[in-house]
Amino acid sequence: MRNSRAQAHRSKSATQYPVNGTSGLALDAAIITTPSQVLAALYDLPPSFTFARRTISAGSDSIHGSLTLSDIAARLQEECGLSNLDIEVLWRDVRLEEGARIRSLGSYDAVVRVRGLGQEEAALAVEITPLHE
């Protein structure tokens, strides 16, 4: 009986448990990065991201829908491998309130911060250009 308990404990301790609320099945897809990898990716960020959006009319600067911090974070994850668990994106542009949505063409300033590592951050210019279909 002790052997089976010890064996069960060993196999249980060797099992990878879900991290940060992910299910056991999603664990294989979740990439767990080290702080040094996150910092390296932060320092390798491109200076700007361009988002092409459809405008309401040919002469208008207003776009269909909006661009949010979540859109930028999703692009950072897709192109740079930075997870929302590791970073946060904030507007640095004084014209925008915290969490504001952008609804027109133009250039905006954002900052990407590493969660839990002090004041480590990188500036990111966000360009919204008209989509030419």
C-alpha atoms as a PDB file:
ATOM      1  CA  MET A   1       0.000   0.000   0.000  1.00  0.00           C
ATOM      2  CA  ARG A   2       2.792   2.451   0.822  1.00  0.00           C
ATOM      3  CA  ASN A   3       4.452   1.715  -2.505  1.00  0.00           C
ATOM      4  CA  SER A   4       1.303   2.551  -4.472  1.00  0.00           C
ATOM      5  CA  ARG A   5       0.881   5.818  -2.527  1.00  0.00           C
ATOM      6  CA  ALA A   6       4.498   6.779  -3.081  1.00  0.00           C
ATOM      7  CA  GLN A   7       4.220   5.929  -6.773  1.00  0.00           C
ATOM      8  CA  ALA A   8       1.000   7.964  -7.077  1.00  0.00           C
ATOM      9  CA  HIS A   9       2.664  10.903  -5.322  1.00  0.00           C
ATOM     10  CA  ARG A  10       5.698  10.725  -7.636  1.00  0.00           C
ATOM     11  CA  SER A  11       3.565  10.636 -10.771  1.00  0.00           C
ATOM     12  CA  LYS A  12       1.373  13.443  -9.428  1.00  0.00           C
ATOM     13  CA  SER A  13       4.396  15.637  -8.647  1.00  0.00           C
ATOM     14  CA  ALA A  14       5.815  15.020 -12.128  1.00  0.00           C
ATOM     15  CA  THR A  15       2.550  16.110 -13.769  1.00  0.00           C
ATOM     16  CA  GLN A  16       2.444  19.632 -15.150  1.00  0.00           C
ATOM     17  CA  TYR A  17      -0.417  21.562 -13.661  1.00  0.00           C
ATOM     18  CA  PRO A  18      -2.291  24.351 -15.405  1.00  0.00           C
ATOM     19  CA  VAL A  19      -0.622  27.740 -15.162  1.00  0.00           C
ATOM     20  CA  ASN A  20      -2.510  31.003 -14.695  1.00  0.00           C
ATOM     21  CA  GLY A  21      -5.961  29.527 -15.179  1.00  0.00           C
ATOM     22  CA  THR A  22      -5.295  27.526 -18.354  1.00  0.00           C
ATOM     23  CA  SER A  23      -6.878  24.117 -18.613  1.00  0.00           C
ATOM     24  CA  GLY A  24      -4.724  21.014 -18.686  1.00  0.00           C
ATOM     25  CA  LEU A  25      -5.403  20.597 -22.403  1.00  0.00           C
ATOM     26  CA  ALA A  26      -4.449  24.186 -23.168  1.00  0.00           C
ATOM     27  CA  LEU A  27      -1.193  23.873 -21.230  1.00  0.00           C
ATOM     28  CA  ASP A  28       0.622  22.367 -24.197  1.00  0.00           C
ATOM     29  CA  ALA A  29      -0.299  25.413 -26.304  1.00  0.00           C
ATOM     30  CA  ALA A  30       0.626  27.927 -23.565  1.00  0.00           C
ATOM     31  CA  ILE A  31       4.195  29.108 -23.855  1.00  0.00           C
ATOM     32  CA  ILE A  32       5.809  29.654 -20.499  1.00  0.00           C
ATOM     33  CA  THR A  33       8.636  32.161 -20.847  1.00  0.00           C
ATOM     34  CA  THR A  34      11.348  33.212 -18.472  1.00  0.00           C
ATOM     35  CA  PRO A  35      11.776  36.836 -17.392  1.00  0.00           C
ATOM     36  CA  SER A  36      15.026  37.091 -19.347  1.00  0.00           C
ATOM     37  CA  GLN A  37      13.267  35.918 -22.534  1.00  0.00           C
ATOM     38  CA  VAL A  38      10.496  38.455 -21.991  1.00  0.00           C
ATOM     39  CA  LEU A  39      13.036  41.253 -21.511  1.00  0.00           C
ATOM     40  CA  ALA A  40      14.951  40.189 -24.623  1.00  0.00           C
ATOM     41  CA  ALA A  41      11.727  40.240 -26.662  1.00  0.00           C
ATOM     42  CA  LEU A  42      10.851  43.651 -25.212  1.00  0.00           C
ATOM     43  CA  TYR A  43      14.185  45.104 -26.296  1.00  0.00           C
ATOM     44  CA  ASP A  44      13.770  43.568 -29.766  1.00  0.00           C
ATOM     45  CA  LEU A  45      10.366  45.151 -30.407  1.00  0.00           C
ATOM     46  CA  PRO A  46      10.020  47.057 -33.658  1.00  0.00           C
ATOM     47  CA  PRO A  47       9.757  50.820 -33.086  1.00  0.00           C
ATOM     48  CA  SER A  48       6.266  50.941 -34.591  1.00  0.00           C
ATOM     49  CA  PHE A  49       3.283  48.879 -35.654  1.00  0.00           C
ATOM     50  CA  THR A  50       1.084  49.834 -38.573  1.00  0.00           C
ATOM     51  CA  PHE A  51      -2.571  48.903 -38.642  1.00  0.00           C
ATOM     52  CA  ALA A  52      -4.478  49.319 -41.904  1.00  0.00           C
ATOM     53  CA  ARG A  53      -8.146  50.091 -41.331  1.00  0.00           C
ATOM     54  CA  ARG A  54     -11.057  50.812 -43.623  1.00  0.00           C
ATOM     55  CA  THR A  55     -12.328  54.391 -43.387  1.00  0.00           C
ATOM     56  CA  ILE A  56     -15.975  55.429 -43.304  1.00  0.00           C
ATOM     57  CA  SER A  57     -15.591  57.306 -46.602  1.00  0.00           C
ATOM     58  CA  ALA A  58     -12.800  58.165 -49.010  1.00  0.00           C
ATOM     59  CA  GLY A  59     -12.199  61.645 -47.587  1.00  0.00           C
ATOM     60  CA  SER A  60     -12.711  60.752 -43.929  1.00  0.00           C
ATOM     61  CA  ASP A  61     -10.160  60.040 -41.196  1.00  0.00           C
ATOM     62  CA  SER A  62     -12.744  58.095 -39.171  1.00  0.00           C
ATOM     63  CA  ILE A  63     -12.317  54.322 -39.283  1.00  0.00           C
ATOM     64  CA  HIS A  64     -14.870  51.530 -39.149  1.00  0.00           C
ATOM     65  CA  GLY A  65     -14.789  50.170 -35.622  1.00  0.00           C
ATOM     66  CA  SER A  66     -11.820  51.085 -33.452  1.00  0.00           C
ATOM     67  CA  LEU A  67      -8.325  50.074 -32.458  1.00  0.00           C
ATOM     68  CA  THR A  68      -7.826  49.068 -28.823  1.00  0.00           C
ATOM     69  CA  LEU A  69      -4.961  48.163 -26.549  1.00  0.00           C
ATOM     70  CA  SER A  70      -6.153  44.557 -26.858  1.00  0.00           C
ATOM     71  CA  ASP A  71      -5.572  44.710 -30.625  1.00  0.00           C
ATOM     72  CA  ILE A  72      -2.004  45.859 -30.026  1.00  0.00           C
ATOM     73  CA  ALA A  73      -1.422  43.181 -27.364  1.00  0.00           C
ATOM     74  CA  ALA A  74      -2.758  40.489 -29.717  1.00  0.00           C
ATOM     75  CA  ARG A  75      -0.356  41.650 -32.430  1.00  0.00           C
ATOM     76  CA  LEU A  76       2.542  41.638 -29.937  1.00  0.00           C
ATOM     77  CA  GLN A  77       1.696  38.056 -29.049  1.00  0.00           C
ATOM     78  CA  GLU A  78       1.321  36.976 -32.671  1.00  0.00           C
ATOM     79  CA  GLU A  79       4.435  38.657 -34.075  1.00  0.00           C
ATOM     80  CA  CYS A  80       6.766  38.928 -31.080  1.00  0.00           C
ATOM     81  CA  GLY A  81       5.685  36.054 -28.813  1.00  0.00           C
ATOM     82  CA  LEU A  82       4.845  38.345 -25.892  1.00  0.00           C
ATOM     83  CA  SER A  83       1.904  37.028 -23.891  1.00  0.00           C
ATOM     84  CA  ASN A  84      -0.675  39.182 -22.124  1.00  0.00           C
ATOM     85  CA  LEU A  85       0.421  37.373 -18.977  1.00  0.00           C
ATOM     86  CA  ASP A  86       3.925  38.821 -19.373  1.00  0.00           C
ATOM     87  CA  ILE A  87       3.229  42.340 -20.636  1.00  0.00           C
ATOM     88  CA  GLU A  88       0.717  45.152 -20.510  1.00  0.00           C
ATOM     89  CA  VAL A  89       0.138  47.823 -23.128  1.00  0.00           C
ATOM     90  CA  LEU A  90      -0.783  51.372 -22.153  1.00  0.00           C
ATOM     91  CA  TRP A  91      -1.345  54.585 -24.071  1.00  0.00           C
ATOM     92  CA  ARG A  92       1.435  57.088 -23.579  1.00  0.00           C
ATOM     93  CA  ASP A  93      -0.218  59.599 -25.892  1.00  0.00           C
ATOM     94  CA  VAL A  94      -1.556  62.533 -23.869  1.00  0.00           C
ATOM     95  CA  ARG A  95      -4.587  62.825 -26.172  1.00  0.00           C
ATOM     96  CA  LEU A  96      -5.854  59.430 -25.020  1.00  0.00           C
ATOM     97  CA  GLU A  97      -7.308  58.364 -21.712  1.00  0.00           C
ATOM     98  CA  GLU A  98      -6.411  55.038 -20.142  1.00  0.00           C
ATOM     99  CA  GLY A  99      -8.057  52.248 -22.138  1.00  0.00           C
ATOM    100  CA  ALA A 100      -9.327  54.612 -24.848  1.00  0.00           C
ATOM    101  CA  ARG A 101     -10.287  53.317 -28.277  1.00  0.00           C
ATOM    102  CA  ILE A 102      -8.808  54.940 -31.360  1.00  0.00           C
ATOM    103  CA  ARG A 103     -11.404  55.751 -33.975  1.00  0.00           C
ATOM    104  CA  SER A 104      -9.419  57.747 -36.544  1.00  0.00           C
ATOM    105  CA  LEU A 105      -6.327  57.539 -38.721  1.00  0.00           C
ATOM    106  CA  GLY A 106      -3.056  58.885 -37.347  1.00  0.00           C
ATOM    107  CA  SER A 107      -0.036  58.235 -35.150  1.00  0.00           C
ATOM    108  CA  TYR A 108      -0.343  57.400 -31.473  1.00  0.00           C
ATOM    109  CA  ASP A 109       2.194  56.578 -28.758  1.00  0.00           C
ATOM    110  CA  ALA A 110       1.951  53.505 -26.569  1.00  0.00           C
ATOM    111  CA  VAL A 111       4.219  51.841 -24.057  1.00  0.00           C
ATOM    112  CA  VAL A 112       4.769  48.110 -23.480  1.00  0.00           C
ATOM    113  CA  ARG A 113       5.582  47.194 -19.877  1.00  0.00           C
ATOM    114  CA  VAL A 114       6.740  43.911 -18.446  1.00  0.00           C
ATOM    115  CA  ARG A 115       4.509  42.730 -15.620  1.00  0.00           C
ATOM    116  CA  GLY A 116       6.240  42.199 -12.298  1.00  0.00           C
ATOM    117  CA  LEU A 117       9.703  43.363 -13.350  1.00  0.00           C
ATOM    118  CA  GLY A 118       9.780  46.903 -12.063  1.00  0.00           C
ATOM    119  CA  GLN A 119       9.841  49.705 -14.608  1.00  0.00           C
ATOM    120  CA  GLU A 120      10.998  47.749 -17.675  1.00  0.00           C
ATOM    121  CA  GLU A 121       9.180  49.168 -20.687  1.00  0.00           C
ATOM    122  CA  ALA A 122       9.552  50.010 -24.364  1.00  0.00           C
ATOM    123  CA  ALA A 123       7.964  52.775 -26.411  1.00  0.00           C
ATOM    124  CA  LEU A 124       5.845  51.757 -29.384  1.00  0.00           C
ATOM    125  CA  ALA A 125       4.501  54.024 -32.093  1.00  0.00           C
ATOM    126  CA  VAL A 126       1.113  52.958 -33.446  1.00  0.00           C
ATOM    127  CA  GLU A 127       0.258  54.071 -36.972  1.00  0.00           C
ATOM    128  CA  ILE A 128      -3.263  53.708 -38.326  1.00  0.00           C
ATOM    129  CA  THR A 129      -3.348  54.023 -42.085  1.00  0.00           C
ATOM    130  CA  PRO A 130      -6.197  53.731 -44.574  1.00  0.00           C
ATOM    131  CA  LEU A 131      -6.815  50.279 -45.971  1.00  0.00           C
ATOM    132  CA  HIS A 132      -6.546  50.308 -49.748  1.00  0.00           C
ATOM    133  CA  GLU A 133      -8.720  47.539 -51.130  1.00  0.00           C
END
